[in-house]
Amino acid sequence: MTKLRNTMIFLIAALSISIVVVFFTTNNAFSDDVTTIRFGHGSAETNERHIAVMHFKDLVEEKSDGQIEVLVYPNEQLGSESEMVESVTLNDLQMVAASAYSQYDQRISVFELPYLFDSYEQAWSVLDGEIGKEVSDIYLEDNLRIIAYFENGFRQITANKAIETPNDLSGLKIRTPEFPISISMFSALGANPTPMAFGELYMGLQQGTVDAQENPVANTYASKFNEVQDYLIMSNHQYMPLPVSISEDFWQSLTAEEQQIIEESALETAQFHRDLLRENEETMISELEAAGMGIIYPDTEPFKAKVDGVYDSFRENYGDDLLDKVLGAVE
């Protein structure tokens, strides 16, 4: 009995020691917890946007020594752009690269006014300066902290007919994002703008639900719209940035060091993305042409003359201040 009692005492003591070790080990593990960021976007894995987001992931994980993990969800896996932005406002998703912010405040669409910018550099100067920050701060009240402007680029039209003048757009059923500026612009050009989720667009073109679409060259190339469209019209009708936002609630839960790593990585990646698209765009156009797509470079002046009313509407809705600042910056 004495031997059995001693054995039991030994086992209880060993168990107690194990519990203490586990307790302290677990508490220590909590101090080394990995911070996880779920990052969604709407483009295919072959798109430069996905390449850029993966670059951001690599930067963040390297700079944090693996203490911040970035999980990337491309190709609208987590919903449409507007749905993903909403998920960030609810803190259900930590980060998103998307253009669908006008559902909360449409002043960000000032950057999307037709023929506003003449060059990429001009657009970047405005976005990376005080005006870009002023606009991004608007969204903090919606739990959206815009930390960088990635690249969407200049938008071009694709269609199954040659478009060389605004008259060629008359009545054309063209897919646009569900953005008021885009819809107003193509209405002013005489087309029939038809909002449709990007993920539905290829089938919509294939089935004739819409006749045409407009997107940056990279999106047309990555989504293989040349398989269902005959012409790429280099209209340069609109520059569109790609704001990258993070949930403000999530942001405030981070340490100052984590915030710095994420913000620095986002800004570095923004320029990486811009440079990547610039470097690849001419190659993509050449490959689209080699695949049988007709490339048209129309005179854009007649198109510009048709869209003054879009500026007037912006002034009526949002006042003169912001628009005058942007126009002053681009002159």
Protein backbone atom coordinates (compact mmCIF):
# COMPACT_ATOMS: atom_id res chain seq x y z
CA MET A 1 0.00 0.00 0.00
CA THR A 2 2.84 2.35 0.88
CA LYS A 3 4.43 1.71 -2.51
CA LEU A 4 1.10 2.38 -4.28
CA ARG A 5 0.58 5.57 -2.25
CA ASN A 6 4.07 6.82 -3.14
CA THR A 7 3.45 6.06 -6.80
CA MET A 8 0.19 8.03 -6.74
CA ILE A 9 1.88 10.98 -5.00
CA PHE A 10 4.59 10.94 -7.67
CA LEU A 11 2.04 10.88 -10.51
CA ILE A 12 0.02 13.73 -8.98
CA ALA A 13 3.18 15.80 -8.53
CA ALA A 14 4.24 15.11 -12.12
CA LEU A 15 0.80 16.06 -13.39
CA SER A 16 0.88 19.30 -11.40
CA ILE A 17 4.27 20.19 -12.82
CA SER A 18 2.98 19.44 -16.34
CA ILE A 19 -0.01 21.73 -15.84
CA VAL A 20 2.24 24.56 -14.63
CA VAL A 21 4.57 24.06 -17.61
CA VAL A 22 1.66 24.04 -20.07
CA PHE A 23 0.18 27.15 -18.44
CA PHE A 24 3.37 29.16 -18.72
CA THR A 25 4.15 27.80 -22.19
CA THR A 26 0.66 28.70 -23.41
CA ASN A 27 0.83 32.19 -21.90
CA ASN A 28 4.18 32.68 -23.55
CA ALA A 29 2.73 31.52 -26.88
CA PHE A 30 0.02 34.15 -26.59
CA SER A 31 2.70 36.83 -26.45
CA ASP A 32 4.09 35.43 -29.70
CA ASP A 33 0.73 35.15 -31.48
CA VAL A 34 0.72 35.69 -35.22
CA THR A 35 -1.49 38.57 -36.39
CA THR A 36 -3.54 37.43 -39.38
CA ILE A 37 -4.76 39.76 -42.13
CA ARG A 38 -7.36 38.49 -44.58
CA PHE A 39 -6.92 40.52 -47.79
CA GLY A 40 -9.46 40.31 -50.60
CA HIS A 41 -9.49 41.61 -54.16
CA GLY A 42 -11.48 41.01 -57.33
CA SER A 43 -8.89 40.16 -59.99
CA ALA A 44 -7.64 36.87 -61.38
CA GLU A 45 -4.38 35.34 -60.20
CA THR A 46 -2.82 36.22 -63.57
CA ASN A 47 -3.56 39.93 -63.09
CA GLU A 48 -0.90 42.40 -61.97
CA ARG A 49 -3.20 43.33 -59.10
CA HIS A 50 -2.82 39.86 -57.61
CA ILE A 51 0.94 39.97 -58.19
CA ALA A 52 1.03 43.28 -56.30
CA VAL A 53 -1.03 41.99 -53.38
CA MET A 54 1.27 38.96 -53.14
CA HIS A 55 4.22 41.38 -53.14
CA PHE A 56 2.58 43.21 -50.22
CA LYS A 57 2.15 39.87 -48.42
CA ASP A 58 5.84 39.05 -48.88
CA LEU A 59 6.95 42.47 -47.63
CA VAL A 60 4.76 42.39 -44.53
CA GLU A 61 5.68 38.85 -43.56
CA GLU A 62 9.39 39.52 -44.10
CA LYS A 63 9.44 42.85 -42.21
CA SER A 64 7.50 41.36 -39.31
CA ASP A 65 9.66 38.21 -39.13
CA GLY A 66 6.55 36.15 -39.73
CA GLN A 67 4.58 37.73 -36.88
CA ILE A 68 2.05 39.15 -39.35
CA GLU A 69 0.48 36.67 -41.76
CA VAL A 70 -1.38 37.86 -44.86
CA LEU A 71 -3.97 35.52 -46.38
CA VAL A 72 -4.89 36.60 -49.92
CA TYR A 73 -8.30 35.93 -51.49
CA PRO A 74 -8.34 36.87 -55.22
CA ASN A 75 -10.94 36.65 -57.96
CA GLU A 76 -13.96 37.82 -55.91
CA GLN A 77 -13.74 34.71 -53.70
CA LEU A 78 -15.15 36.78 -50.83
CA GLY A 79 -17.79 38.60 -52.87
CA SER A 80 -17.96 41.52 -55.28
CA GLU A 81 -15.82 44.61 -54.71
CA SER A 82 -18.66 46.46 -53.00
CA GLU A 83 -19.37 43.44 -50.79
CA MET A 84 -15.71 43.14 -49.80
CA VAL A 85 -15.51 46.85 -48.94
CA GLU A 86 -18.62 46.42 -46.81
CA SER A 87 -16.99 43.44 -45.08
CA VAL A 88 -14.05 45.69 -44.15
CA THR A 89 -16.42 48.32 -42.72
CA LEU A 90 -17.89 45.54 -40.54
CA ASN A 91 -14.40 44.28 -39.61
CA ASP A 92 -15.29 40.85 -41.01
CA LEU A 93 -12.45 41.29 -43.53
CA GLN A 94 -9.27 43.14 -42.61
CA MET A 95 -8.11 44.54 -45.98
CA VAL A 96 -9.34 45.02 -49.52
CA ALA A 97 -8.03 46.42 -52.81
CA ALA A 98 -11.10 47.76 -54.61
CA SER A 99 -12.64 50.79 -56.27
CA ALA A 100 -16.14 50.52 -54.77
CA TYR A 101 -16.03 53.30 -52.17
CA SER A 102 -18.61 55.66 -53.65
CA GLN A 103 -21.35 53.66 -51.90
CA TYR A 104 -20.20 55.40 -48.68
CA ASP A 105 -19.12 58.79 -50.02
CA GLN A 106 -18.87 59.74 -53.68
CA ARG A 107 -16.22 62.43 -53.30
CA ILE A 108 -13.51 59.85 -54.01
CA SER A 109 -14.90 59.67 -57.55
CA VAL A 110 -13.37 63.10 -58.21
CA PHE A 111 -10.27 61.18 -59.34
CA GLU A 112 -12.39 59.29 -61.87
CA LEU A 113 -13.77 62.28 -63.76
CA PRO A 114 -13.39 61.77 -67.51
CA TYR A 115 -10.14 62.95 -69.09
CA LEU A 116 -9.01 64.53 -65.80
CA PHE A 117 -5.40 63.33 -65.96
CA ASP A 118 -3.08 63.44 -68.96
CA SER A 119 -0.46 61.08 -67.55
CA TYR A 120 0.16 58.50 -64.87
CA GLU A 121 2.69 60.75 -63.14
CA GLN A 122 0.15 63.55 -62.91
CA ALA A 123 -2.38 61.23 -61.28
CA TRP A 124 0.15 59.81 -58.82
CA SER A 125 1.25 63.28 -57.75
CA VAL A 126 -2.32 64.16 -56.77
CA LEU A 127 -3.07 60.83 -55.10
CA ASP A 128 0.14 60.74 -53.06
CA GLY A 129 -0.18 64.36 -51.94
CA GLU A 130 -2.43 66.32 -49.60
CA ILE A 131 -5.51 65.92 -51.81
CA GLY A 132 -5.24 62.13 -51.76
CA LYS A 133 -4.98 62.18 -47.96
CA GLU A 134 -7.87 64.61 -47.61
CA VAL A 135 -10.11 62.32 -49.62
CA SER A 136 -8.97 59.14 -47.84
CA ASP A 137 -9.70 60.67 -44.41
CA ILE A 138 -13.39 60.97 -45.38
CA TYR A 139 -13.81 57.20 -45.03
CA LEU A 140 -12.52 56.84 -41.48
CA GLU A 141 -16.03 57.41 -40.16
CA ASP A 142 -17.07 54.30 -42.14
CA ASN A 143 -14.30 52.24 -40.49
CA LEU A 144 -12.21 52.38 -43.68
CA ARG A 145 -8.61 53.56 -43.46
CA ILE A 146 -7.21 54.01 -46.98
CA ILE A 147 -3.49 53.43 -46.60
CA ALA A 148 -2.35 53.53 -50.24
CA TYR A 149 -3.54 53.99 -53.80
CA PHE A 150 -2.60 51.01 -55.94
CA GLU A 151 -3.07 51.18 -59.71
CA ASN A 152 -6.12 50.57 -61.85
CA GLY A 153 -4.79 52.80 -64.60
CA PHE A 154 -6.38 54.39 -67.62
CA ARG A 155 -9.53 52.68 -68.83
CA GLN A 156 -10.06 51.62 -72.44
CA ILE A 157 -13.09 50.37 -74.36
CA THR A 158 -13.44 46.96 -75.98
CA ALA A 159 -16.24 46.17 -78.45
CA ASN A 160 -17.20 44.06 -81.42
CA LYS A 161 -17.31 47.14 -83.66
CA ALA A 162 -14.73 49.79 -84.43
CA ILE A 163 -15.21 52.91 -82.30
CA GLU A 164 -13.45 56.01 -83.59
CA THR A 165 -15.91 58.82 -82.70
CA PRO A 166 -18.56 59.35 -80.02
CA ASN A 167 -21.20 58.62 -82.66
CA ASP A 168 -19.94 55.03 -82.77
CA LEU A 169 -21.01 54.65 -79.14
CA SER A 170 -24.62 55.64 -79.83
CA GLY A 171 -26.95 53.12 -78.19
CA LEU A 172 -24.11 50.68 -77.48
CA LYS A 173 -24.85 48.53 -74.46
CA ILE A 174 -21.59 48.83 -72.54
CA ARG A 175 -20.82 47.26 -69.20
CA THR A 176 -19.55 49.71 -66.59
CA PRO A 177 -18.94 49.37 -62.86
CA GLU A 178 -21.84 50.55 -60.75
CA PHE A 179 -20.18 53.93 -60.22
CA PRO A 180 -22.16 57.14 -60.84
CA ILE A 181 -19.29 58.86 -62.69
CA SER A 182 -18.87 55.94 -65.10
CA ILE A 183 -22.58 55.74 -65.78
CA SER A 184 -22.89 59.52 -66.27
CA MET A 185 -19.89 59.63 -68.61
CA PHE A 186 -21.11 56.93 -70.97
CA SER A 187 -24.61 58.34 -70.93
CA ALA A 188 -23.13 61.67 -71.99
CA LEU A 189 -21.27 59.88 -74.80
CA GLY A 190 -24.55 58.44 -76.07
CA ALA A 191 -24.00 54.83 -74.97
CA ASN A 192 -26.28 52.66 -72.85
CA PRO A 193 -24.21 52.02 -69.68
CA THR A 194 -25.11 48.72 -68.01
CA PRO A 195 -23.64 47.96 -64.57
CA MET A 196 -22.61 44.35 -64.05
CA ALA A 197 -20.33 42.54 -61.59
CA PHE A 198 -16.88 41.98 -63.03
CA GLY A 199 -17.08 38.26 -62.35
CA GLU A 200 -20.13 38.02 -64.64
CA LEU A 201 -18.65 40.10 -67.44
CA TYR A 202 -16.99 37.46 -69.63
CA MET A 203 -20.22 35.46 -69.83
CA GLY A 204 -22.20 38.65 -70.36
CA LEU A 205 -20.06 39.51 -73.39
CA GLN A 206 -20.13 35.94 -74.66
CA GLN A 207 -23.91 35.72 -74.45
CA GLY A 208 -24.52 39.22 -75.80
CA THR A 209 -26.05 40.55 -72.59
CA VAL A 210 -23.75 43.52 -73.15
CA ASP A 211 -22.03 44.54 -76.40
CA ALA A 212 -18.92 46.18 -75.00
CA GLN A 213 -17.00 46.89 -71.81
CA GLU A 214 -14.34 49.27 -70.51
CA ASN A 215 -11.40 48.42 -68.29
CA PRO A 216 -7.66 48.96 -68.02
CA VAL A 217 -5.66 46.92 -70.53
CA ALA A 218 -4.39 44.62 -67.76
CA ASN A 219 -7.94 43.54 -66.87
CA THR A 220 -8.86 42.96 -70.51
CA TYR A 221 -5.70 40.91 -70.99
CA ALA A 222 -5.91 38.84 -67.80
CA SER A 223 -9.61 38.08 -68.28
CA LYS A 224 -9.12 37.15 -71.97
CA PHE A 225 -11.84 39.47 -73.19
CA ASN A 226 -10.16 39.31 -76.60
CA GLU A 227 -11.87 35.91 -76.95
CA VAL A 228 -15.26 37.64 -76.98
CA GLN A 229 -14.38 41.14 -78.24
CA ASP A 230 -12.89 42.17 -81.58
CA TYR A 231 -11.50 45.65 -80.87
CA LEU A 232 -9.50 47.41 -78.18
CA ILE A 233 -10.13 51.15 -78.38
CA MET A 234 -7.41 53.16 -76.59
CA SER A 235 -9.77 55.90 -75.45
CA ASN A 236 -7.97 56.75 -72.16
CA HIS A 237 -11.35 58.07 -71.08
CA GLN A 238 -10.85 57.70 -67.35
CA TYR A 239 -8.05 57.18 -64.85
CA MET A 240 -9.03 55.09 -61.86
CA PRO A 241 -6.89 54.46 -58.79
CA LEU A 242 -7.21 51.31 -56.69
CA PRO A 243 -7.54 52.36 -53.05
CA VAL A 244 -6.33 49.80 -50.53
CA SER A 245 -8.10 50.03 -47.20
CA ILE A 246 -7.84 48.35 -43.84
CA SER A 247 -10.51 48.12 -41.16
CA GLU A 248 -10.00 51.04 -38.78
CA ASP A 249 -11.08 48.89 -35.82
CA PHE A 250 -8.48 46.30 -36.78
CA TRP A 251 -5.88 49.02 -37.35
CA GLN A 252 -6.40 50.41 -33.85
CA SER A 253 -5.89 46.92 -32.39
CA LEU A 254 -2.38 46.78 -33.85
CA THR A 255 0.84 47.93 -32.25
CA ALA A 256 2.56 51.05 -33.60
CA GLU A 257 5.28 48.79 -35.06
CA GLU A 258 2.70 46.62 -36.85
CA GLN A 259 0.96 49.71 -38.24
CA GLN A 260 4.27 51.04 -39.56
CA ILE A 261 5.13 47.73 -41.25
CA ILE A 262 1.73 47.51 -42.95
CA GLU A 263 1.66 51.14 -44.09
CA GLU A 264 5.24 51.12 -45.38
CA SER A 265 4.63 47.87 -47.24
CA ALA A 266 1.42 49.22 -48.79
CA LEU A 267 3.14 52.38 -50.05
CA GLU A 268 6.07 50.39 -51.45
CA THR A 269 3.67 48.02 -53.16
CA ALA A 270 1.64 50.88 -54.63
CA GLN A 271 4.67 52.04 -56.61
CA PHE A 272 5.60 48.45 -57.42
CA HIS A 273 2.13 47.92 -58.88
CA ARG A 274 2.25 51.16 -60.88
CA ASP A 275 5.64 50.37 -62.35
CA LEU A 276 4.63 46.78 -63.12
CA LEU A 277 1.58 47.86 -65.10
CA ARG A 278 3.51 50.52 -67.00
CA GLU A 279 6.22 48.04 -67.93
CA ASN A 280 3.78 45.37 -69.08
CA GLU A 281 1.06 47.37 -70.82
CA GLU A 282 2.71 47.71 -74.24
CA THR A 283 3.54 44.00 -74.23
CA MET A 284 -0.05 43.14 -73.38
CA ILE A 285 -1.38 45.36 -76.19
CA SER A 286 1.02 43.70 -78.66
CA GLU A 287 -0.07 40.24 -77.56
CA LEU A 288 -3.76 41.14 -77.83
CA GLU A 289 -3.12 42.42 -81.34
CA ALA A 290 -1.18 39.27 -82.25
CA ALA A 291 -4.16 37.23 -81.00
CA GLY A 292 -6.38 38.99 -83.55
CA MET A 293 -7.72 42.00 -81.70
CA GLY A 294 -7.88 45.25 -83.66
CA ILE A 295 -6.22 48.16 -81.82
CA ILE A 296 -7.69 51.63 -82.42
CA TYR A 297 -6.22 54.95 -81.24
CA PRO A 298 -9.06 57.46 -81.70
CA ASP A 299 -8.80 61.23 -81.53
CA THR A 300 -9.99 61.85 -77.97
CA GLU A 301 -10.88 65.55 -78.38
CA PRO A 302 -14.45 64.86 -79.66
CA PHE A 303 -14.98 62.55 -76.67
CA LYS A 304 -13.75 65.19 -74.21
CA ALA A 305 -16.14 67.75 -75.68
CA LYS A 306 -19.11 65.53 -74.78
CA VAL A 307 -18.42 65.07 -71.06
CA ASP A 308 -18.34 68.60 -69.62
CA GLY A 309 -21.73 67.97 -68.05
CA VAL A 310 -20.22 65.27 -65.82
CA TYR A 311 -18.02 67.94 -64.20
CA ASP A 312 -21.02 70.24 -63.80
CA SER A 313 -22.96 67.49 -62.03
CA PHE A 314 -20.06 66.85 -59.67
CA ARG A 315 -19.97 70.54 -58.74
CA GLU A 316 -23.72 70.61 -58.16
CA ASN A 317 -23.58 67.59 -55.88
CA TYR A 318 -20.35 68.18 -53.95
CA GLY A 319 -19.48 71.85 -54.31
CA ASP A 320 -16.51 73.59 -55.86
CA ASP A 321 -13.82 73.15 -53.22
CA LEU A 322 -12.50 69.64 -53.84
CA LEU A 323 -12.85 69.76 -57.62
CA ASP A 324 -11.10 73.14 -57.83
CA LYS A 325 -8.21 71.77 -55.72
CA VAL A 326 -7.81 68.79 -58.05
CA LEU A 327 -8.07 70.91 -61.21
CA GLY A 328 -5.53 73.33 -59.77
CA ALA A 329 -3.15 70.48 -59.01
CA VAL A 330 -3.29 69.06 -62.55
CA GLU A 331 -2.83 72.38 -64.37
